[in-house]
Protein backbone atom coordinates (compact mmCIF):
# COMPACT_ATOMS: atom_id res chain seq x y z
CA MET A 1 0.00 0.00 0.00
CA ASN A 2 1.17 3.51 -0.77
CA PRO A 3 1.93 5.89 2.12
CA ALA A 4 -0.50 8.66 3.08
CA PRO A 5 -1.89 10.72 1.50
CA TYR A 6 -1.69 8.56 -1.62
CA GLU A 7 -3.18 5.28 -0.42
CA ALA A 8 -5.65 5.29 -3.33
CA ALA A 9 -3.06 5.91 -6.08
CA PRO A 10 -2.88 3.12 -8.69
CA LEU A 11 0.86 3.76 -9.11
CA GLU A 12 3.64 3.20 -6.61
CA ILE A 13 4.50 6.46 -4.86
CA ARG A 14 7.93 6.92 -3.32
CA ALA A 15 7.82 7.22 0.44
CA ASP A 16 10.06 10.30 0.49
CA LEU A 17 7.83 12.07 -2.03
CA ALA A 18 4.67 11.27 -0.06
CA ALA A 19 6.39 12.53 3.09
CA ALA A 20 7.30 15.81 1.37
CA HIS A 21 3.69 16.25 0.29
CA ARG A 22 2.45 15.57 3.82
CA ARG A 23 4.81 18.26 5.10
CA ALA A 24 3.54 20.68 2.46
CA ARG A 25 -0.10 20.06 3.40
CA ASP A 26 0.70 20.52 7.08
CA HIS A 27 2.53 23.75 6.24
CA LEU A 28 -0.41 25.09 4.23
CA ALA A 29 -2.84 24.46 7.08
CA ARG A 30 -0.72 26.24 9.70
CA PRO A 31 -0.65 30.00 10.30
CA GLY A 32 1.83 31.64 7.99
CA ALA A 33 3.58 34.97 8.29
CA TRP A 34 0.62 37.09 7.12
CA TRP A 35 -2.42 34.77 6.85
CA ASP A 36 -3.78 32.46 9.54
CA GLY A 37 -4.51 28.77 9.02
CA ARG A 38 -8.18 29.29 8.20
CA GLN A 39 -7.32 31.92 5.60
CA ARG A 40 -4.58 29.77 4.08
CA VAL A 41 -6.93 26.82 3.66
CA ALA A 42 -9.45 29.27 2.15
CA LEU A 43 -6.70 30.30 -0.30
CA ILE A 44 -6.31 26.64 -1.32
CA ALA A 45 -10.06 26.31 -1.88
CA GLU A 46 -10.17 29.58 -3.84
CA THR A 47 -7.26 28.46 -6.02
CA ARG A 48 -9.25 25.39 -7.02
CA HIS A 49 -12.47 27.35 -7.44
CA ALA A 50 -10.83 29.89 -9.78
CA LEU A 51 -11.01 27.37 -12.62
CA GLN A 52 -14.82 27.63 -12.54
CA CYS A 53 -14.91 31.45 -12.51
CA ARG A 54 -16.89 32.96 -15.40
CA LEU A 55 -15.02 36.28 -15.24
CA CYS A 56 -11.67 34.51 -15.41
CA ARG A 57 -12.78 32.52 -18.48
CA GLU A 58 -13.94 35.70 -20.23
CA ARG A 59 -10.74 37.53 -19.37
CA LYS A 60 -8.62 34.61 -20.53
CA ALA A 61 -10.40 34.69 -23.90
CA ALA A 62 -10.08 38.47 -24.30
CA LEU A 63 -7.24 40.23 -26.09
CA SER A 64 -6.51 41.98 -22.78
CA PRO A 65 -7.82 40.93 -19.38
CA ALA A 66 -8.23 44.61 -18.53
CA ALA A 67 -10.91 44.85 -21.22
CA VAL A 68 -13.34 42.69 -19.22
CA ALA A 69 -14.89 44.10 -16.06
CA GLY A 70 -16.94 42.21 -13.51
CA MET A 71 -16.87 40.33 -10.25
CA HIS A 72 -15.16 37.02 -9.64
CA ASP A 73 -17.22 33.95 -8.80
CA SER A 74 -15.64 33.40 -5.39
CA LEU A 75 -16.32 31.26 -2.35
CA GLY A 76 -16.80 34.39 -0.26
CA GLU A 77 -14.17 33.58 2.36
CA LEU A 78 -11.45 36.07 1.39
CA PRO A 79 -11.11 39.82 0.74
CA GLU A 80 -11.77 40.87 -2.86
CA ALA A 81 -8.13 41.85 -3.41
CA ALA A 82 -7.01 38.38 -2.34
CA VAL A 83 -9.59 36.75 -4.63
CA GLU A 84 -8.36 38.85 -7.57
CA ALA A 85 -4.77 37.83 -6.86
CA VAL A 86 -5.57 34.14 -6.48
CA HIS A 87 -7.74 33.96 -9.60
CA ARG A 88 -5.34 35.83 -11.87
CA ILE A 89 -2.26 33.96 -10.63
CA ARG A 90 -4.08 30.65 -11.12
CA THR A 91 -5.80 31.26 -14.46
CA ASP A 92 -3.74 33.83 -16.40
CA PRO A 93 -0.26 34.23 -14.88
CA GLY A 94 1.45 34.94 -18.18
CA ARG A 95 -0.32 38.29 -18.52
CA LEU A 96 0.24 39.71 -15.06
CA THR A 97 1.81 43.15 -15.16
CA ARG A 98 3.38 45.53 -12.68
CA SER A 99 0.38 47.82 -13.15
CA TRP A 100 -1.95 44.96 -12.16
CA PHE A 101 0.24 44.19 -9.13
CA ASN A 102 0.22 47.84 -8.07
CA ASN A 103 -3.59 47.89 -8.28
CA VAL A 104 -3.82 44.76 -6.10
CA ILE A 105 -1.61 46.43 -3.49
CA ARG A 106 -3.66 49.63 -3.62
CA SER A 107 -6.77 47.49 -3.13
CA GLY A 108 -5.59 46.37 0.28
CA LEU A 109 -2.99 43.61 0.05
CA SER A 110 0.51 44.14 1.37
CA PRO A 111 3.46 42.85 -0.67
CA GLU A 112 4.08 40.32 2.09
CA GLN A 113 0.51 39.01 1.89
CA TYR A 114 0.82 38.84 -1.89
CA VAL A 115 3.98 36.72 -1.73
CA GLU A 116 2.30 34.33 0.69
CA ILE A 117 -0.67 34.05 -1.71
CA VAL A 118 1.72 33.23 -4.57
CA SER A 119 3.22 30.46 -2.48
CA VAL A 120 -0.12 28.93 -1.44
CA VAL A 121 -1.34 28.97 -5.05
CA ALA A 122 1.93 27.40 -6.27
CA HIS A 123 1.81 24.69 -3.59
CA THR A 124 -1.81 23.93 -4.43
CA VAL A 125 -1.25 23.69 -8.17
CA ALA A 126 1.77 21.43 -7.64
CA LEU A 127 -0.11 19.06 -5.32
CA ASP A 128 -3.25 18.98 -7.47
CA THR A 129 -1.26 18.40 -10.65
CA PHE A 130 0.56 15.51 -9.01
CA ALA A 131 -2.73 13.95 -7.88
CA ARG A 132 -4.14 14.22 -11.40
CA GLY A 133 -0.95 12.77 -12.82
CA VAL A 134 -1.13 9.65 -10.65
CA GLY A 135 -4.82 9.15 -11.38
CA ILE A 136 -6.55 10.19 -8.16
CA PRO A 137 -8.90 13.06 -7.25
CA GLN A 138 -7.62 16.20 -5.59
CA LEU A 139 -6.70 15.59 -1.98
CA PRO A 140 -9.21 16.97 0.53
CA LEU A 141 -8.52 20.33 2.13
CA PRO A 142 -6.18 19.94 5.10
CA ASP A 143 -7.47 20.45 8.64
CA VAL A 144 -6.89 24.00 9.83
CA SER A 145 -4.32 24.58 12.56
CA ASP A 146 -5.13 27.34 15.04
CA GLY A 147 -2.88 30.26 15.82
CA ALA A 148 -1.99 33.75 14.67
CA PRO A 149 0.30 34.78 11.82
CA SER A 150 3.87 35.48 12.88
CA CYS A 151 4.06 38.84 11.02
CA HIS A 152 7.78 38.23 10.58
CA ARG A 153 9.32 40.47 7.91
CA PRO A 154 12.98 39.77 7.12
CA SER A 155 15.17 42.71 8.09
CA GLY A 156 17.31 42.16 4.99
CA ALA A 157 14.44 42.43 2.49
CA LYS A 158 14.99 45.40 0.21
CA PRO A 159 13.54 46.70 -3.06
CA GLY A 160 15.23 45.23 -6.12
CA PRO A 161 14.38 44.37 -9.72
CA ALA A 162 11.29 42.34 -8.76
CA TRP A 163 7.84 43.72 -7.99
CA VAL A 164 8.28 42.87 -4.32
CA PRO A 165 11.25 43.34 -1.99
CA TRP A 166 13.56 40.36 -1.72
CA ILE A 167 16.66 39.27 0.17
CA GLU A 168 20.04 39.17 -1.48
CA PRO A 169 22.27 36.33 -0.20
CA GLU A 170 24.40 38.78 1.74
CA GLY A 171 21.27 40.08 3.48
CA LEU A 172 20.30 36.75 5.06
CA THR A 173 20.18 36.59 8.84
CA GLU A 174 20.05 33.55 11.09
CA ALA A 175 16.24 33.59 10.83
CA GLU A 176 16.43 33.01 7.07
CA ALA A 177 19.33 30.56 7.10
CA GLY A 178 18.99 27.77 4.59
CA ILE A 179 16.45 29.31 2.23
CA TYR A 180 18.98 29.54 -0.62
CA PRO A 181 21.11 26.80 -2.18
CA THR A 182 24.73 26.82 -1.10
CA ALA A 183 26.39 25.35 -4.18
CA ARG A 184 25.18 28.03 -6.58
CA PRO A 185 23.60 31.49 -6.56
CA PRO A 186 19.87 31.48 -5.79
CA ALA A 187 17.56 31.58 -8.78
CA ASN A 188 15.10 34.44 -9.06
CA ILE A 189 12.26 32.13 -8.04
CA HIS A 190 14.03 31.62 -4.70
CA ARG A 191 14.50 35.34 -4.23
CA ALA A 192 10.98 36.19 -5.37
CA MET A 193 9.41 34.46 -2.34
CA SER A 194 12.13 35.40 0.13
CA LEU A 195 9.99 38.17 1.63
CA VAL A 196 8.23 35.24 3.37
CA PRO A 197 11.14 32.85 4.03
CA ALA A 198 9.07 29.92 5.32
CA GLU A 199 7.38 29.73 1.93
CA VAL A 200 10.73 29.34 0.15
CA ARG A 201 11.67 26.48 2.47
CA SER A 202 8.36 24.69 2.05
CA PHE A 203 7.98 25.09 -1.70
CA PHE A 204 11.45 23.80 -2.51
CA ASP A 205 11.04 20.96 -0.04
CA LEU A 206 7.89 20.03 -1.98
CA CYS A 207 9.77 20.08 -5.27
């Protein structure tokens, strides 16, 4: 029998891979830096729900997503700015622009909250794609863990070429130790989530 959470998979799943996915699901259900456990599980659910959103389908089909106005079909558990971020990141990431990002921030999200949303969406898509690939339904939403967000912002995070502040290797402190590879310079995808260091650790553990 395969290890949890892949007992129903018709293919043999490596134990170390299943263990990494269990850690990722536990991580998603716990309070993060800027969203609590309930909100993070709501972000997972909204990521999945975005694929059924009429507005997102119409925007995806349009020459420019900005040409289509309307309201997202959401589950109603998150602020509108968070829903907009989740839906666009999930359904049309190739056409995100700095102007769109700036509007999301003006609508009420902080850059730190945005980075955490990016991570939750990326985790969810990775786990759901794996489940589909091995021939099983999406895994159920994880059980929420209680607690408050840490609100930890790395002291070394500074504006750079990305839309959000990030940490250069020389700006790491003990609190962020280990988020970057040691044998080579960190790729931009490492740096892009470094404003919320726990998300870098978890996402690359999942991969």
